[in-house]
Protein backbone atom coordinates (compact mmCIF):
# COMPACT_ATOMS: atom_id res chain seq x y z
CA GLN A 1 -13.02 13.16 -3.18
CA VAL A 2 -9.90 12.27 -1.25
CA GLN A 3 -6.27 12.69 -2.27
CA VAL A 4 -3.61 10.25 -1.11
CA VAL A 5 0.17 10.61 -0.88
CA GLU A 6 2.62 7.77 -0.29
CA SER A 7 5.86 7.99 1.66
CA GLY A 8 8.41 5.73 3.32
CA GLY A 9 10.12 4.15 0.35
CA GLY A 10 13.85 3.84 0.00
CA LEU A 11 16.79 1.49 -0.26
CA VAL A 12 16.88 -1.58 1.93
CA GLN A 13 18.97 -4.75 1.98
CA PRO A 14 17.43 -8.18 1.43
CA GLY A 15 15.85 -9.41 4.63
CA GLY A 16 15.24 -5.90 5.85
CA SER A 17 12.04 -4.03 6.55
CA LEU A 18 10.24 -0.90 5.45
CA LYS A 19 6.99 0.69 6.47
CA LEU A 20 5.12 2.62 3.82
CA SER A 21 2.52 5.23 4.64
CA CYS A 22 -0.30 6.65 2.59
CA ALA A 23 -1.83 9.80 3.99
CA ALA A 24 -5.23 10.99 2.82
CA SER A 25 -6.48 14.55 2.62
CA GLY A 26 -9.68 13.73 4.44
CA SER A 27 -11.63 11.05 6.20
CA ILE A 28 -11.06 7.54 4.87
CA PHE A 29 -13.64 5.87 7.08
CA ASP A 30 -15.89 5.01 4.13
CA TYR A 31 -13.05 3.97 1.82
CA ALA A 32 -11.47 0.65 1.09
CA LEU A 33 -7.69 1.07 0.88
CA GLY A 34 -4.88 -0.84 -0.70
CA TRP A 35 -1.50 -1.12 -2.32
CA TYR A 36 -0.27 -2.07 -5.76
CA ARG A 37 3.26 -2.16 -7.08
CA GLN A 38 4.79 -1.83 -10.51
CA THR A 39 8.15 -2.65 -12.05
CA PRO A 40 9.14 -1.16 -15.43
CA GLY A 41 7.93 -3.38 -18.23
CA LYS A 42 5.46 -5.23 -16.06
CA GLU A 43 1.78 -4.90 -15.29
CA ARG A 44 0.68 -3.26 -12.10
CA GLU A 45 0.49 -5.94 -9.42
CA PHE A 46 -1.88 -6.16 -6.50
CA VAL A 47 -0.19 -6.35 -3.10
CA ALA A 48 -2.72 -5.89 -0.33
CA SER A 49 -6.06 -4.34 0.50
CA ILE A 50 -8.13 -3.53 3.54
CA ALA A 51 -11.85 -3.02 3.61
CA ARG A 52 -13.60 0.12 4.78
CA ALA A 53 -13.36 0.66 8.51
CA ILE A 54 -16.71 -0.86 9.35
CA ALA A 55 -15.58 -4.19 7.87
CA ASN A 56 -11.76 -4.07 8.13
CA ASN A 57 -11.08 -7.31 6.25
CA THR A 58 -7.66 -7.72 4.65
CA ILE A 59 -6.48 -9.47 1.49
CA TYR A 60 -2.91 -10.22 0.45
CA SER A 61 -1.23 -11.42 -2.69
CA ASP A 62 0.56 -14.75 -2.48
CA SER A 63 3.87 -12.91 -2.51
CA ALA A 64 2.89 -10.59 0.33
CA GLU A 65 1.18 -13.16 2.53
CA GLY A 66 3.12 -13.78 5.73
CA ARG A 67 5.60 -10.96 5.10
CA PHE A 68 3.53 -7.81 4.62
CA THR A 69 0.85 -6.32 6.83
CA ILE A 70 -1.66 -3.70 5.76
CA SER A 71 -3.34 -1.61 8.41
CA ARG A 72 -5.34 1.57 8.69
CA ASP A 73 -5.53 4.33 11.25
CA ASP A 74 -8.70 6.26 10.61
CA THR A 75 -7.88 8.80 13.31
CA LYS A 76 -4.87 9.80 11.18
CA ASN A 77 -6.50 9.18 7.79
CA THR A 78 -3.60 6.92 6.90
CA VAL A 79 -3.08 3.42 5.57
CA TYR A 80 0.20 1.58 6.14
CA LEU A 81 2.08 -1.28 4.55
CA GLN A 82 4.59 -2.94 6.84
CA MET A 83 7.02 -4.96 4.74
CA ASN A 84 9.30 -7.50 6.38
CA SER A 85 11.76 -10.06 5.03
CA LEU A 86 12.14 -8.08 1.84
CA LYS A 87 13.41 -9.79 -1.30
CA PHE A 88 15.01 -8.53 -4.50
CA GLU A 89 11.75 -9.13 -6.33
CA ASP A 90 9.95 -6.70 -4.02
CA THR A 91 11.72 -3.85 -5.80
CA ALA A 92 9.04 -1.67 -7.38
CA VAL A 93 7.16 1.57 -7.21
CA TYR A 94 4.43 1.13 -4.63
CA PHE A 95 1.12 2.90 -5.12
CA CYS A 96 -1.71 3.22 -2.67
CA TYR A 97 -5.34 3.75 -3.51
CA ALA A 98 -8.55 4.75 -1.85
CA LEU A 99 -11.83 3.33 -3.11
CA PRO A 100 -15.01 5.05 -1.96
CA SER A 101 -17.91 2.86 -0.98
CA TRP A 102 -20.18 4.78 -3.34
CA GLY A 103 -18.05 4.43 -6.44
CA SER A 104 -15.90 2.13 -8.52
CA THR A 105 -13.02 4.47 -9.38
CA ARG A 106 -9.87 4.33 -7.28
CA TYR A 107 -8.00 7.43 -6.21
CA TRP A 108 -4.27 6.83 -6.62
CA GLY A 109 -1.19 8.30 -5.05
CA GLN A 110 1.97 9.25 -6.92
CA GLY A 111 3.93 6.21 -5.78
CA THR A 112 7.00 5.65 -3.66
CA GLN A 113 10.09 3.74 -4.80
CA VAL A 114 11.26 0.68 -2.92
CA ASN A 115 14.66 -0.73 -3.86
CA VAL A 116 15.79 -4.00 -2.33
CA SER A 117 19.46 -4.48 -3.09
CA SER A 118 22.66 -5.70 -1.52
């Protein structure tokens, strides 16, 4: 079982950029990885995912497509979310997850707050 911890959130102005990191406690080679976000009063929303290293396919939500980039560095056991051209509606707590290839239960981080405000 792997534990994941997010970092990199903060306050940014509209149009700005942030890069979130999610560091795992062990090897993530056999894990699919991804990001969700949640705003108070709303359902958790999918943002992006990347397949286990052997496949490495990526999927983005319509909102993230063209602005966000998910990547993984298996030598550092870390998944990233590069967020560009940020909008007010991107404000949320961002959670990362790790999904083992042998299971169906995601391992979640504690979340990191992203505030997009002028």
